[in-house]
Protein backbone atom coordinates (compact mmCIF):
# COMPACT_ATOMS: atom_id res chain seq x y z
CA MET A 1 -214.02 -149.15 55.46
CA ASP A 2 -216.18 -146.13 56.28
CA LEU A 3 -219.81 -146.25 55.17
CA GLN A 4 -220.92 -142.99 56.69
CA ILE A 5 -222.89 -140.58 54.57
CA PRO A 6 -221.61 -137.10 55.49
CA GLY A 7 -224.35 -134.51 55.83
CA PHE A 8 -227.14 -137.09 55.63
CA ARG A 9 -229.06 -135.72 58.58
CA ASN A 10 -229.70 -132.40 56.86
CA GLY A 11 -229.39 -133.22 53.18
CA GLY A 12 -231.16 -136.57 53.38
CA CYS A 13 -234.29 -135.13 54.91
CA VAL A 14 -234.30 -132.19 52.52
CA ALA A 15 -234.02 -134.64 49.60
CA GLY A 16 -237.13 -136.45 50.80
CA HIS A 17 -235.49 -139.39 52.57
CA HIS A 18 -237.20 -139.71 55.92
CA PHE A 19 -234.92 -142.11 57.79
CA ALA A 20 -233.54 -141.64 61.30
CA GLY A 21 -230.01 -142.04 59.92
CA HIS A 22 -227.90 -143.58 57.19
CA THR A 23 -227.98 -147.03 58.85
CA GLU A 24 -231.73 -147.23 58.24
CA LEU A 25 -231.39 -145.83 54.72
CA LEU A 26 -228.75 -148.40 53.76
CA ALA A 27 -230.91 -151.20 55.19
CA LYS A 28 -233.87 -150.06 53.08
CA LEU A 29 -231.79 -149.66 49.90
CA THR A 30 -230.29 -153.14 50.28
CA GLY A 31 -233.57 -154.85 51.20
CA ALA A 32 -232.26 -155.92 54.61
CA ARG A 33 -234.90 -157.14 57.06
CA ASP A 34 -232.83 -155.83 59.94
CA SER A 35 -229.61 -153.94 60.56
CA VAL A 36 -227.20 -152.93 63.29
CA MET A 37 -224.66 -150.14 63.45
CA ILE A 38 -221.11 -151.36 63.95
CA LEU A 39 -218.14 -149.20 64.89
CA ALA A 40 -214.77 -150.71 64.03
CA HIS A 41 -211.15 -149.82 64.63
CA GLY A 42 -208.48 -152.37 63.88
CA ASP A 43 -209.57 -155.63 65.52
CA PHE A 44 -212.00 -153.87 67.86
CA ARG A 45 -215.74 -154.00 67.01
CA VAL A 46 -218.73 -152.50 68.83
CA SER A 47 -222.31 -153.08 67.73
CA HIS A 48 -225.09 -150.77 68.88
CA VAL A 49 -228.20 -152.33 70.41
CA THR A 50 -230.24 -149.22 69.58
CA THR A 51 -229.68 -146.39 67.13
CA HIS A 52 -231.11 -142.94 66.57
CA ILE A 53 -233.60 -142.92 69.45
CA ALA A 54 -234.07 -140.72 72.49
CA LEU A 55 -232.14 -141.84 75.56
CA GLU A 56 -235.41 -142.17 77.49
CA ASP A 57 -236.56 -144.83 74.96
CA VAL A 58 -233.45 -147.04 75.31
CA PRO A 59 -234.78 -149.20 78.20
CA LYS A 60 -237.86 -150.12 76.15
CA ARG A 61 -235.83 -151.00 73.04
CA ALA A 62 -232.85 -152.75 74.68
CA THR A 63 -234.57 -156.13 74.84
CA PRO A 64 -232.75 -159.46 75.25
CA GLU A 65 -233.57 -160.29 71.60
CA ARG A 66 -232.04 -157.03 70.32
CA MET A 67 -228.96 -157.62 72.46
CA ARG A 68 -228.55 -161.13 71.03
CA ARG A 69 -229.02 -159.85 67.49
CA ALA A 70 -226.48 -157.06 67.95
CA SER A 71 -223.90 -159.43 69.38
CA THR A 72 -223.97 -162.08 66.66
């Protein structure tokens, strides 16, 4: 299943949706308290600890709690 929203980066912001990406938009629309981005192919799954942030901000955001949350 592919839940990407093609063209969201440009079209979403133009339409007044100010989210870093479609992961955050889908979380807001579904009322989720939290979300993680998961990439899947066959039986292989990878969950991102951080999404849509500058690389220099990753060390501050990659906390043990976020890593636990992304892995469960």
